[in-house]
Amino acid sequence: LPGTVASPWQDGGVYLITGGAGGLGRIVAREIGASVGNATVVLTGRSPLDEQRRRELNALRASGLTVDYQRADVADRNAVARLFDDVADNHGPLTGIVHSAGLVADNYLIRKDPEELA
């Protein structure tokens, strides 16, 4: 149909979502689950999972997704290399990456102190 956009998600796909335990990452994972019958999402974050996040990831699993949470800091090149190796070894080649990691430090650039800027 004219004006329609094909879903970027593939059935059987393996998707890495940085910042995946955060709100935006979980929204993307839910969208993948709603769009395809079978997919794997590897969610990354720097923090260990608390009980609330575990429940949220279990809800994603209940929707039919294969969900793997990996602690990794995407600003650490070696951690990312290990993460890619782990994904390839356990889930196969990546189909896509969604970068949604970040920190909330809202401020205009001109008003940032050196620590915020770093």
PDB file of N, CA and C in Angstrom:
ATOM      1  N   LEU A   1       0.835  -1.187   0.000  1.00  0.00           N
ATOM      2  CA  LEU A   1       0.000   0.000   0.000  1.00  0.00           C
ATOM      3  C   LEU A   1       0.879   1.249   0.000  1.00  0.00           C
ATOM      4  N   PRO A   2       0.504   2.249  -0.742  1.00  0.00           N
ATOM      5  CA  PRO A   2       1.270   3.499  -0.740  1.00  0.00           C
ATOM      6  C   PRO A   2       1.246   4.131   0.652  1.00  0.00           C
ATOM      7  N   GLY A   3       2.379   4.656   1.057  1.00  0.00           N
ATOM      8  CA  GLY A   3       2.456   5.338   2.347  1.00  0.00           C
ATOM      9  C   GLY A   3       2.727   4.429   3.525  1.00  0.00           C
ATOM     10  N   THR A   4       2.725   3.113   3.325  1.00  0.00           N
ATOM     11  CA  THR A   4       3.029   2.217   4.433  1.00  0.00           C
ATOM     12  C   THR A   4       4.530   1.949   4.475  1.00  0.00           C
ATOM     13  N   VAL A   5       5.011   1.704   5.661  1.00  0.00           N
ATOM     14  CA  VAL A   5       6.431   1.448   5.855  1.00  0.00           C
ATOM     15  C   VAL A   5       6.576   0.015   6.359  1.00  0.00           C
ATOM     16  N   ALA A   6       7.462  -0.709   5.743  1.00  0.00           N
ATOM     17  CA  ALA A   6       7.718  -2.080   6.175  1.00  0.00           C
ATOM     18  C   ALA A   6       8.396  -2.064   7.545  1.00  0.00           C
ATOM     19  N   SER A   7       8.082  -3.056   8.346  1.00  0.00           N
ATOM     20  CA  SER A   7       8.705  -3.173   9.652  1.00  0.00           C
ATOM     21  C   SER A   7      10.199  -3.437   9.489  1.00  0.00           C
ATOM     22  N   PRO A   8      11.017  -2.811  10.311  1.00  0.00           N
ATOM     23  CA  PRO A   8      12.456  -3.084  10.235  1.00  0.00           C
ATOM     24  C   PRO A   8      12.842  -4.398  10.921  1.00  0.00           C
ATOM     25  N   TRP A   9      11.902  -5.012  11.621  1.00  0.00           N
ATOM     26  CA  TRP A   9      12.192  -6.208  12.404  1.00  0.00           C
ATOM     27  C   TRP A   9      11.929  -7.459  11.582  1.00  0.00           C
ATOM     28  N   GLN A  10      12.828  -8.432  11.725  1.00  0.00           N
ATOM     29  CA  GLN A  10      12.712  -9.686  10.972  1.00  0.00           C
ATOM     30  C   GLN A  10      12.388 -10.833  11.912  1.00  0.00           C
ATOM     31  N   ASP A  11      11.526 -11.714  11.446  1.00  0.00           N
ATOM     32  CA  ASP A  11      11.243 -12.918  12.204  1.00  0.00           C
ATOM     33  C   ASP A  11      12.542 -13.708  12.337  1.00  0.00           C
ATOM     34  N   GLY A  12      12.857 -14.134  13.543  1.00  0.00           N
ATOM     35  CA  GLY A  12      14.096 -14.860  13.794  1.00  0.00           C
ATOM     36  C   GLY A  12      15.303 -13.953  13.979  1.00  0.00           C
ATOM     37  N   GLY A  13      15.096 -12.648  13.972  1.00  0.00           N
ATOM     38  CA  GLY A  13      16.203 -11.707  14.099  1.00  0.00           C
ATOM     39  C   GLY A  13      16.812 -11.687  15.489  1.00  0.00           C
ATOM     40  N   VAL A  14      18.036 -11.210  15.543  1.00  0.00           N
ATOM     41  CA  VAL A  14      18.765 -11.037  16.805  1.00  0.00           C
ATOM     42  C   VAL A  14      19.119  -9.560  16.908  1.00  0.00           C
ATOM     43  N   TYR A  15      18.583  -8.902  17.920  1.00  0.00           N
ATOM     44  CA  TYR A  15      18.740  -7.455  18.055  1.00  0.00           C
ATOM     45  C   TYR A  15      19.430  -7.106  19.360  1.00  0.00           C
ATOM     46  N   LEU A  16      20.437  -6.256  19.277  1.00  0.00           N
ATOM     47  CA  LEU A  16      21.135  -5.735  20.436  1.00  0.00           C
ATOM     48  C   LEU A  16      20.560  -4.356  20.726  1.00  0.00           C
ATOM     49  N   ILE A  17      20.099  -4.166  21.960  1.00  0.00           N
ATOM     50  CA  ILE A  17      19.520  -2.886  22.360  1.00  0.00           C
ATOM     51  C   ILE A  17      20.335  -2.350  23.522  1.00  0.00           C
ATOM     52  N   THR A  18      21.126  -1.302  23.261  1.00  0.00           N
ATOM     53  CA  THR A  18      21.905  -0.689  24.330  1.00  0.00           C
ATOM     54  C   THR A  18      20.965   0.142  25.192  1.00  0.00           C
ATOM     55  N   GLY A  19      21.240   0.185  26.480  1.00  0.00           N
ATOM     56  CA  GLY A  19      20.330   0.877  27.381  1.00  0.00           C
ATOM     57  C   GLY A  19      19.013   0.132  27.478  1.00  0.00           C
ATOM     58  N   GLY A  20      19.073  -1.158  27.214  1.00  0.00           N
ATOM     59  CA  GLY A  20      17.869  -1.964  27.056  1.00  0.00           C
ATOM     60  C   GLY A  20      17.001  -2.135  28.273  1.00  0.00           C
ATOM     61  N   ALA A  21      17.542  -1.952  29.462  1.00  0.00           N
ATOM     62  CA  ALA A  21      16.707  -2.084  30.647  1.00  0.00           C
ATOM     63  C   ALA A  21      16.014  -0.769  30.978  1.00  0.00           C
ATOM     64  N   GLY A  22      16.362   0.291  30.251  1.00  0.00           N
ATOM     65  CA  GLY A  22      15.708   1.578  30.449  1.00  0.00           C
ATOM     66  C   GLY A  22      14.388   1.636  29.696  1.00  0.00           C
ATOM     67  N   GLY A  23      13.673   2.698  29.882  1.00  0.00           N
ATOM     68  CA  GLY A  23      12.346   2.833  29.292  1.00  0.00           C
ATOM     69  C   GLY A  23      12.326   2.717  27.786  1.00  0.00           C
ATOM     70  N   LEU A  24      13.190   3.435  27.099  1.00  0.00           N
ATOM     71  CA  LEU A  24      13.199   3.419  25.644  1.00  0.00           C
ATOM     72  C   LEU A  24      13.578   2.032  25.114  1.00  0.00           C
ATOM     73  N   GLY A  25      14.568   1.413  25.721  1.00  0.00           N
ATOM     74  CA  GLY A  25      14.980   0.079  25.291  1.00  0.00           C
ATOM     75  C   GLY A  25      13.866  -0.943  25.413  1.00  0.00           C
ATOM     76  N   ARG A  26      13.114  -0.881  26.504  1.00  0.00           N
ATOM     77  CA  ARG A  26      11.994  -1.824  26.683  1.00  0.00           C
ATOM     78  C   ARG A  26      10.870  -1.543  25.686  1.00  0.00           C
ATOM     79  N   ILE A  27      10.655  -0.288  25.354  1.00  0.00           N
ATOM     80  CA  ILE A  27       9.640   0.048  24.345  1.00  0.00           C
ATOM     81  C   ILE A  27      10.022  -0.565  23.006  1.00  0.00           C
ATOM     82  N   VAL A  28      11.300  -0.449  22.632  1.00  0.00           N
ATOM     83  CA  VAL A  28      11.766  -1.033  21.373  1.00  0.00           C
ATOM     84  C   VAL A  28      11.611  -2.543  21.405  1.00  0.00           C
ATOM     85  N   ALA A  29      11.980  -3.164  22.514  1.00  0.00           N
ATOM     86  CA  ALA A  29      11.853  -4.621  22.632  1.00  0.00           C
ATOM     87  C   ALA A  29      10.391  -5.048  22.501  1.00  0.00           C
ATOM     88  N   ARG A  30       9.477  -4.318  23.132  1.00  0.00           N
ATOM     89  CA  ARG A  30       8.040  -4.644  23.004  1.00  0.00           C
ATOM     90  C   ARG A  30       7.583  -4.516  21.554  1.00  0.00           C
ATOM     91  N   GLU A  31       8.065  -3.499  20.864  1.00  0.00           N
ATOM     92  CA  GLU A  31       7.702  -3.307  19.457  1.00  0.00           C
ATOM     93  C   GLU A  31       8.201  -4.472  18.606  1.00  0.00           C
ATOM     94  N   ILE A  32       9.419  -4.924  18.868  1.00  0.00           N
ATOM     95  CA  ILE A  32       9.938  -6.075  18.134  1.00  0.00           C
ATOM     96  C   ILE A  32       9.047  -7.283  18.390  1.00  0.00           C
ATOM     97  N   GLY A  33       8.726  -7.524  19.651  1.00  0.00           N
ATOM     98  CA  GLY A  33       7.879  -8.658  20.009  1.00  0.00           C
ATOM     99  C   GLY A  33       6.499  -8.598  19.381  1.00  0.00           C
ATOM    100  N   ALA A  34       5.957  -7.404  19.250  1.00  0.00           N
ATOM    101  CA  ALA A  34       4.623  -7.243  18.655  1.00  0.00           C
ATOM    102  C   ALA A  34       4.657  -7.360  17.138  1.00  0.00           C
ATOM    103  N   SER A  35       5.836  -7.199  16.545  1.00  0.00           N
ATOM    104  CA  SER A  35       5.942  -7.160  15.087  1.00  0.00           C
ATOM    105  C   SER A  35       6.313  -8.487  14.449  1.00  0.00           C
ATOM    106  N   VAL A  36       6.970  -9.365  15.204  1.00  0.00           N
ATOM    107  CA  VAL A  36       7.425 -10.633  14.640  1.00  0.00           C
ATOM    108  C   VAL A  36       7.033 -11.776  15.565  1.00  0.00           C
ATOM    109  N   GLY A  37       6.991 -12.968  15.015  1.00  0.00           N
ATOM    110  CA  GLY A  37       6.612 -14.123  15.817  1.00  0.00           C
ATOM    111  C   GLY A  37       7.738 -14.670  16.663  1.00  0.00           C
ATOM    112  N   ASN A  38       8.966 -14.434  16.247  1.00  0.00           N
ATOM    113  CA  ASN A  38      10.105 -15.033  16.919  1.00  0.00           C
ATOM    114  C   ASN A  38      11.305 -14.113  16.747  1.00  0.00           C
ATOM    115  N   ALA A  39      11.893 -13.676  17.853  1.00  0.00           N
ATOM    116  CA  ALA A  39      13.089 -12.837  17.791  1.00  0.00           C
ATOM    117  C   ALA A  39      13.829 -12.934  19.113  1.00  0.00           C
ATOM    118  N   THR A  40      15.090 -12.563  19.059  1.00  0.00           N
ATOM    119  CA  THR A  40      15.925 -12.484  20.261  1.00  0.00           C
ATOM    120  C   THR A  40      16.327 -11.043  20.454  1.00  0.00           C
ATOM    121  N   VAL A  41      16.170 -10.558  21.674  1.00  0.00           N
ATOM    122  CA  VAL A  41      16.659  -9.232  22.013  1.00  0.00           C
ATOM    123  C   VAL A  41      17.694  -9.388  23.118  1.00  0.00           C
ATOM    124  N   VAL A  42      18.849  -8.801  22.882  1.00  0.00           N
ATOM    125  CA  VAL A  42      19.909  -8.767  23.882  1.00  0.00           C
ATOM    126  C   VAL A  42      19.939  -7.336  24.389  1.00  0.00           C
ATOM    127  N   LEU A  43      19.532  -7.171  25.625  1.00  0.00           N
ATOM    128  CA  LEU A  43      19.460  -5.855  26.232  1.00  0.00           C
ATOM    129  C   LEU A  43      20.722  -5.631  27.053  1.00  0.00           C
ATOM    130  N   THR A  44      21.294  -4.453  26.953  1.00  0.00           N
ATOM    131  CA  THR A  44      22.496  -4.150  27.723  1.00  0.00           C
ATOM    132  C   THR A  44      22.241  -2.985  28.658  1.00  0.00           C
ATOM    133  N   GLY A  45      22.993  -2.977  29.732  1.00  0.00           N
ATOM    134  CA  GLY A  45      22.954  -1.883  30.681  1.00  0.00           C
ATOM    135  C   GLY A  45      24.154  -1.971  31.591  1.00  0.00           C
ATOM    136  N   ARG A  46      24.449  -0.887  32.263  1.00  0.00           N
ATOM    137  CA  ARG A  46      25.605  -0.875  33.158  1.00  0.00           C
ATOM    138  C   ARG A  46      25.275  -1.395  34.543  1.00  0.00           C
ATOM    139  N   SER A  47      24.010  -1.399  34.893  1.00  0.00           N
ATOM    140  CA  SER A  47      23.602  -1.745  36.251  1.00  0.00           C
ATOM    141  C   SER A  47      23.080  -3.175  36.330  1.00  0.00           C
ATOM    142  N   PRO A  48      23.205  -3.770  37.532  1.00  0.00           N
ATOM    143  CA  PRO A  48      22.563  -5.069  37.717  1.00  0.00           C
ATOM    144  C   PRO A  48      21.049  -4.882  37.687  1.00  0.00           C
ATOM    145  N   LEU A  49      20.339  -5.943  37.365  1.00  0.00           N
ATOM    146  CA  LEU A  49      18.881  -5.869  37.317  1.00  0.00           C
ATOM    147  C   LEU A  49      18.303  -5.878  38.724  1.00  0.00           C
ATOM    148  N   ASP A  50      17.368  -4.975  38.977  1.00  0.00           N
ATOM    149  CA  ASP A  50      16.628  -5.036  40.228  1.00  0.00           C
ATOM    150  C   ASP A  50      15.360  -5.867  39.984  1.00  0.00           C
ATOM    151  N   GLU A  51      14.583  -6.087  41.027  1.00  0.00           N
ATOM    152  CA  GLU A  51      13.415  -6.960  40.913  1.00  0.00           C
ATOM    153  C   GLU A  51      12.383  -6.412  39.922  1.00  0.00           C
ATOM    154  N   GLN A  52      12.183  -5.113  39.894  1.00  0.00           N
ATOM    155  CA  GLN A  52      11.234  -4.505  38.954  1.00  0.00           C
ATOM    156  C   GLN A  52      11.657  -4.762  37.511  1.00  0.00           C
ATOM    157  N   ARG A  53      12.923  -4.566  37.198  1.00  0.00           N
ATOM    158  CA  ARG A  53      13.411  -4.795  35.832  1.00  0.00           C
ATOM    159  C   ARG A  53      13.315  -6.278  35.460  1.00  0.00           C
ATOM    160  N   ARG A  54      13.580  -7.150  36.423  1.00  0.00           N
ATOM    161  CA  ARG A  54      13.439  -8.593  36.153  1.00  0.00           C
ATOM    162  C   ARG A  54      12.002  -8.926  35.742  1.00  0.00           C
ATOM    163  N   ARG A  55      11.038  -8.351  36.453  1.00  0.00           N
ATOM    164  CA  ARG A  55       9.622  -8.585  36.112  1.00  0.00           C
ATOM    165  C   ARG A  55       9.316  -8.066  34.712  1.00  0.00           C
ATOM    166  N   GLU A  56       9.855  -6.894  34.381  1.00  0.00           N
ATOM    167  CA  GLU A  56       9.606  -6.315  33.056  1.00  0.00           C
ATOM    168  C   GLU A  56      10.217  -7.188  31.952  1.00  0.00           C
ATOM    169  N   LEU A  57      11.406  -7.712  32.190  1.00  0.00           N
ATOM    170  CA  LEU A  57      12.032  -8.590  31.192  1.00  0.00           C
ATOM    171  C   LEU A  57      11.283  -9.913  31.093  1.00  0.00           C
ATOM    172  N   ASN A  58      10.769 -10.403  32.215  1.00  0.00           N
ATOM    173  CA  ASN A  58       9.959 -11.626  32.168  1.00  0.00           C
ATOM    174  C   ASN A  58       8.667 -11.411  31.384  1.00  0.00           C
ATOM    175  N   ALA A  59       8.097 -10.212  31.462  1.00  0.00           N
ATOM    176  CA  ALA A  59       6.904  -9.902  30.665  1.00  0.00           C
ATOM    177  C   ALA A  59       7.247  -9.931  29.180  1.00  0.00           C
ATOM    178  N   LEU A  60       8.429  -9.442  28.810  1.00  0.00           N
ATOM    179  CA  LEU A  60       8.858  -9.515  27.407  1.00  0.00           C
ATOM    180  C   LEU A  60       8.997 -10.972  26.977  1.00  0.00           C
ATOM    181  N   ARG A  61       9.554 -11.798  27.855  1.00  0.00           N
ATOM    182  CA  ARG A  61       9.687 -13.231  27.537  1.00  0.00           C
ATOM    183  C   ARG A  61       8.316 -13.867  27.357  1.00  0.00           C
ATOM    184  N   ALA A  62       7.373 -13.489  28.203  1.00  0.00           N
ATOM    185  CA  ALA A  62       6.020 -14.048  28.118  1.00  0.00           C
ATOM    186  C   ALA A  62       5.345 -13.679  26.801  1.00  0.00           C
ATOM    187  N   SER A  63       5.794 -12.588  26.173  1.00  0.00           N
ATOM    188  CA  SER A  63       5.220 -12.185  24.889  1.00  0.00           C
ATOM    189  C   SER A  63       5.795 -12.997  23.735  1.00  0.00           C
ATOM    190  N   GLY A  64       6.787 -13.857  24.026  1.00  0.00           N
ATOM    191  CA  GLY A  64       7.345 -14.714  22.993  1.00  0.00           C
ATOM    192  C   GLY A  64       8.768 -14.385  22.581  1.00  0.00           C
ATOM    193  N   LEU A  65       9.320 -13.312  23.126  1.00  0.00           N
ATOM    194  CA  LEU A  65      10.695 -12.953  22.793  1.00  0.00           C
ATOM    195  C   LEU A  65      11.686 -13.806  23.579  1.00  0.00           C
ATOM    196  N   THR A  66      12.822 -14.077  22.976  1.00  0.00           N
ATOM    197  CA  THR A  66      13.964 -14.581  23.724  1.00  0.00           C
ATOM    198  C   THR A  66      14.692 -13.344  24.213  1.00  0.00           C
ATOM    199  N   VAL A  67      14.885 -13.238  25.524  1.00  0.00           N
ATOM    200  CA  VAL A  67      15.458 -12.031  26.115  1.00  0.00           C
ATOM    201  C   VAL A  67      16.712 -12.406  26.894  1.00  0.00           C
ATOM    202  N   ASP A  68      17.798 -11.695  26.608  1.00  0.00           N
ATOM    203  CA  ASP A  68      19.065 -11.884  27.307  1.00  0.00           C
ATOM    204  C   ASP A  68      19.510 -10.513  27.793  1.00  0.00           C
ATOM    205  N   TYR A  69      19.790 -10.384  29.081  1.00  0.00           N
ATOM    206  CA  TYR A  69      20.310  -9.123  29.614  1.00  0.00           C
ATOM    207  C   TYR A  69      21.791  -9.290  29.899  1.00  0.00           C
ATOM    208  N   GLN A  70      22.599  -8.385  29.383  1.00  0.00           N
ATOM    209  CA  GLN A  70      24.047  -8.414  29.581  1.00  0.00           C
ATOM    210  C   GLN A  70      24.500  -7.085  30.180  1.00  0.00           C
ATOM    211  N   ARG A  71      25.232  -7.168  31.294  1.00  0.00           N
ATOM    212  CA  ARG A  71      25.818  -5.941  31.858  1.00  0.00           C
ATOM    213  C   ARG A  71      27.020  -5.558  31.016  1.00  0.00           C
ATOM    214  N   ALA A  72      26.991  -4.340  30.495  1.00  0.00           N
ATOM    215  CA  ALA A  72      28.106  -3.843  29.691  1.00  0.00           C
ATOM    216  C   ALA A  72      27.996  -2.330  29.588  1.00  0.00           C
ATOM    217  N   ASP A  73      29.151  -1.682  29.621  1.00  0.00           N
ATOM    218  CA  ASP A  73      29.226  -0.245  29.415  1.00  0.00           C
ATOM    219  C   ASP A  73      29.630  -0.029  27.959  1.00  0.00           C
ATOM    220  N   VAL A  74      28.730   0.517  27.154  1.00  0.00           N
ATOM    221  CA  VAL A  74      29.019   0.662  25.727  1.00  0.00           C
ATOM    222  C   VAL A  74      30.083   1.714  25.437  1.00  0.00           C
ATOM    223  N   ALA A  75      30.529   2.429  26.465  1.00  0.00           N
ATOM    224  CA  ALA A  75      31.633   3.368  26.288  1.00  0.00           C
ATOM    225  C   ALA A  75      32.982   2.672  26.464  1.00  0.00           C
ATOM    226  N   ASP A  76      32.952   1.392  26.840  1.00  0.00           N
ATOM    227  CA  ASP A  76      34.163   0.600  27.056  1.00  0.00           C
ATOM    228  C   ASP A  76      34.352  -0.339  25.861  1.00  0.00           C
ATOM    229  N   ARG A  77      35.327  -0.031  25.033  1.00  0.00           N
ATOM    230  CA  ARG A  77      35.568  -0.779  23.787  1.00  0.00           C
ATOM    231  C   ARG A  77      35.744  -2.286  24.036  1.00  0.00           C
ATOM    232  N   ASN A  78      36.500  -2.654  25.075  1.00  0.00           N
ATOM    233  CA  ASN A  78      36.721  -4.072  25.372  1.00  0.00           C
ATOM    234  C   ASN A  78      35.431  -4.756  25.816  1.00  0.00           C
ATOM    235  N   ALA A  79      34.621  -4.054  26.595  1.00  0.00           N
ATOM    236  CA  ALA A  79      33.340  -4.625  27.030  1.00  0.00           C
ATOM    237  C   ALA A  79      32.430  -4.866  25.832  1.00  0.00           C
ATOM    238  N   VAL A  80      32.440  -3.948  24.874  1.00  0.00           N
ATOM    239  CA  VAL A  80      31.617  -4.109  23.671  1.00  0.00           C
ATOM    240  C   VAL A  80      32.114  -5.283  22.836  1.00  0.00           C
ATOM    241  N   ALA A  81      33.420  -5.445  22.715  1.00  0.00           N
ATOM    242  CA  ALA A  81      33.979  -6.586  21.970  1.00  0.00           C
ATOM    243  C   ALA A  81      33.550  -7.897  22.622  1.00  0.00           C
ATOM    244  N   ARG A  82      33.627  -7.978  23.958  1.00  0.00           N
ATOM    245  CA  ARG A  82      33.187  -9.187  24.664  1.00  0.00           C
ATOM    246  C   ARG A  82      31.694  -9.420  24.457  1.00  0.00           C
ATOM    247  N   LEU A  83      30.925  -8.338  24.479  1.00  0.00           N
ATOM    248  CA  LEU A  83      29.484  -8.440  24.275  1.00  0.00           C
ATOM    249  C   LEU A  83      29.171  -9.000  22.892  1.00  0.00           C
ATOM    250  N   PHE A  84      29.809  -8.479  21.862  1.00  0.00           N
ATOM    251  CA  PHE A  84      29.590  -8.976  20.501  1.00  0.00           C
ATOM    252  C   PHE A  84      29.961 -10.451  20.383  1.00  0.00           C
ATOM    253  N   ASP A  85      31.072 -10.836  20.998  1.00  0.00           N
ATOM    254  CA  ASP A  85      31.475 -12.242  20.970  1.00  0.00           C
ATOM    255  C   ASP A  85      30.431 -13.120  21.655  1.00  0.00           C
ATOM    256  N   ASP A  86      29.937 -12.660  22.797  1.00  0.00           N
ATOM    257  CA  ASP A  86      28.938 -13.430  23.534  1.00  0.00           C
ATOM    258  C   ASP A  86      27.647 -13.573  22.732  1.00  0.00           C
ATOM    259  N   VAL A  87      27.217 -12.491  22.112  1.00  0.00           N
ATOM    260  CA  VAL A  87      25.985 -12.548  21.302  1.00  0.00           C
ATOM    261  C   VAL A  87      26.170 -13.534  20.148  1.00  0.00           C
ATOM    262  N   ALA A  88      27.283 -13.441  19.446  1.00  0.00           N
ATOM    263  CA  ALA A  88      27.535 -14.346  18.320  1.00  0.00           C
ATOM    264  C   ALA A  88      27.575 -15.797  18.779  1.00  0.00           C
ATOM    265  N   ASP A  89      28.243 -16.067  19.896  1.00  0.00           N
ATOM    266  CA  ASP A  89      28.364 -17.434  20.400  1.00  0.00           C
ATOM    267  C   ASP A  89      27.029 -18.014  20.862  1.00  0.00           C
ATOM    268  N   ASN A  90      26.192 -17.188  21.474  1.00  0.00           N
ATOM    269  CA  ASN A  90      24.957 -17.687  22.086  1.00  0.00           C
ATOM    270  C   ASN A  90      23.691 -17.495  21.266  1.00  0.00           C
ATOM    271  N   HIS A  91      23.709 -16.525  20.334  1.00  0.00           N
ATOM    272  CA  HIS A  91      22.479 -16.210  19.615  1.00  0.00           C
ATOM    273  C   HIS A  91      22.648 -16.148  18.103  1.00  0.00           C
ATOM    274  N   GLY A  92      23.876 -16.164  17.621  1.00  0.00           N
ATOM    275  CA  GLY A  92      24.115 -16.056  16.193  1.00  0.00           C
ATOM    276  C   GLY A  92      24.393 -14.625  15.783  1.00  0.00           C
ATOM    277  N   PRO A  93      24.456 -14.401  14.462  1.00  0.00           N
ATOM    278  CA  PRO A  93      24.806 -13.058  13.981  1.00  0.00           C
ATOM    279  C   PRO A  93      23.712 -12.032  14.286  1.00  0.00           C
ATOM    280  N   LEU A  94      24.153 -10.812  14.540  1.00  0.00           N
ATOM    281  CA  LEU A  94      23.211  -9.722  14.800  1.00  0.00           C
ATOM    282  C   LEU A  94      22.459  -9.340  13.535  1.00  0.00           C
ATOM    283  N   THR A  95      21.181  -9.080  13.709  1.00  0.00           N
ATOM    284  CA  THR A  95      20.348  -8.565  12.632  1.00  0.00           C
ATOM    285  C   THR A  95      20.309  -7.044  12.686  1.00  0.00           C
ATOM    286  N   GLY A  96      20.388  -6.501  13.909  1.00  0.00           N
ATOM    287  CA  GLY A  96      20.333  -5.056  14.059  1.00  0.00           C
ATOM    288  C   GLY A  96      20.738  -4.610  15.445  1.00  0.00           C
ATOM    289  N   ILE A  97      21.084  -3.327  15.538  1.00  0.00           N
ATOM    290  CA  ILE A  97      21.464  -2.706  16.804  1.00  0.00           C
ATOM    291  C   ILE A  97      20.637  -1.438  16.969  1.00  0.00           C
ATOM    292  N   VAL A  98      20.082  -1.275  18.164  1.00  0.00           N
ATOM    293  CA  VAL A  98      19.367  -0.047  18.496  1.00  0.00           C
ATOM    294  C   VAL A  98      20.098   0.575  19.683  1.00  0.00           C
ATOM    295  N   HIS A  99      20.633   1.763  19.476  1.00  0.00           N
ATOM    296  CA  HIS A  99      21.384   2.446  20.536  1.00  0.00           C
ATOM    297  C   HIS A  99      20.430   3.366  21.284  1.00  0.00           C
ATOM    298  N   SER A 100      20.106   2.981  22.521  1.00  0.00           N
ATOM    299  CA  SER A 100      19.223   3.823  23.327  1.00  0.00           C
ATOM    300  C   SER A 100      19.823   4.094  24.699  1.00  0.00           C
ATOM    301  N   ALA A 101      21.131   3.861  24.836  1.00  0.00           N
ATOM    302  CA  ALA A 101      21.808   4.126  26.110  1.00  0.00           C
ATOM    303  C   ALA A 101      22.089   5.613  26.227  1.00  0.00           C
ATOM    304  N   GLY A 102      22.025   6.082  27.426  1.00  0.00           N
ATOM    305  CA  GLY A 102      22.356   7.477  27.671  1.00  0.00           C
ATOM    306  C   GLY A 102      22.114   7.829  29.118  1.00  0.00           C
ATOM    307  N   LEU A 103      22.525   8.999  29.470  1.00  0.00           N
ATOM    308  CA  LEU A 103      22.321   9.516  30.808  1.00  0.00           C
ATOM    309  C   LEU A 103      21.437  10.742  30.723  1.00  0.00           C
ATOM    310  N   VAL A 104      20.606  10.918  31.726  1.00  0.00           N
ATOM    311  CA  VAL A 104      19.798  12.121  31.765  1.00  0.00           C
ATOM    312  C   VAL A 104      20.605  13.196  32.477  1.00  0.00           C
ATOM    313  N   ALA A 105      21.055  14.160  31.724  1.00  0.00           N
ATOM    314  CA  ALA A 105      21.778  15.317  32.257  1.00  0.00           C
ATOM    315  C   ALA A 105      21.381  16.504  31.392  1.00  0.00           C
ATOM    316  N   ASP A 106      20.079  16.796  31.444  1.00  0.00           N
ATOM    317  CA  ASP A 106      19.551  17.854  30.593  1.00  0.00           C
ATOM    318  C   ASP A 106      20.112  19.212  31.000  1.00  0.00           C
ATOM    319  N   ASN A 107      20.707  19.865  30.055  1.00  0.00           N
ATOM    320  CA  ASN A 107      21.216  21.204  30.253  1.00  0.00           C
ATOM    321  C   ASN A 107      21.738  21.678  28.903  1.00  0.00           C
ATOM    322  N   TYR A 108      21.637  22.965  28.654  1.00  0.00           N
ATOM    323  CA  TYR A 108      22.226  23.509  27.443  1.00  0.00           C
ATOM    324  C   TYR A 108      23.736  23.339  27.511  1.00  0.00           C
ATOM    325  N   LEU A 109      24.352  23.091  26.372  1.00  0.00           N
ATOM    326  CA  LEU A 109      25.793  22.877  26.310  1.00  0.00           C
ATOM    327  C   LEU A 109      26.564  23.998  26.993  1.00  0.00           C
ATOM    328  N   ILE A 110      26.149  25.221  26.763  1.00  0.00           N
ATOM    329  CA  ILE A 110      26.863  26.378  27.323  1.00  0.00           C
ATOM    330  C   ILE A 110      26.784  26.410  28.859  1.00  0.00           C
ATOM    331  N   ARG A 111      25.771  25.734  29.432  1.00  0.00           N
ATOM    332  CA  ARG A 111      25.603  25.740  30.892  1.00  0.00           C
ATOM    333  C   ARG A 111      26.178  24.495  31.568  1.00  0.00           C
ATOM    334  N   LYS A 112      26.693  23.574  30.790  1.00  0.00           N
ATOM    335  CA  LYS A 112      27.235  22.357  31.390  1.00  0.00           C
ATOM    336  C   LYS A 112      28.539  22.641  32.112  1.00  0.00           C
ATOM    337  N   ASP A 113      28.674  22.034  33.281  1.00  0.00           N
ATOM    338  CA  ASP A 113      29.963  22.121  33.967  1.00  0.00           C
ATOM    339  C   ASP A 113      30.890  21.067  33.371  1.00  0.00           C
ATOM    340  N   PRO A 114      32.186  21.139  33.664  1.00  0.00           N
ATOM    341  CA  PRO A 114      33.130  20.197  33.053  1.00  0.00           C
ATOM    342  C   PRO A 114      32.770  18.723  33.275  1.00  0.00           C
ATOM    343  N   GLU A 115      32.231  18.400  34.444  1.00  0.00           N
ATOM    344  CA  GLU A 115      31.862  17.009  34.737  1.00  0.00           C
ATOM    345  C   GLU A 115      30.702  16.557  33.828  1.00  0.00           C
ATOM    346  N   GLU A 116      29.672  17.384  33.661  1.00  0.00           N
ATOM    347  CA  GLU A 116      28.569  17.052  32.769  1.00  0.00           C
ATOM    348  C   GLU A 116      29.053  16.890  31.328  1.00  0.00           C
ATOM    349  N   LEU A 117      29.949  17.768  30.920  1.00  0.00           N
ATOM    350  CA  LEU A 117      30.458  17.731  29.560  1.00  0.00           C
ATOM    351  C   LEU A 117      31.237  16.450  29.289  1.00  0.00           C
ATOM    352  N   ALA A 118      32.018  16.022  30.266  1.00  0.00           N
ATOM    353  CA  ALA A 118      32.799  14.783  30.125  1.00  0.00           C
ATOM    354  C   ALA A 118      31.865  13.601  29.991  1.00  0.00           C
TER     355      ALA A 118
END
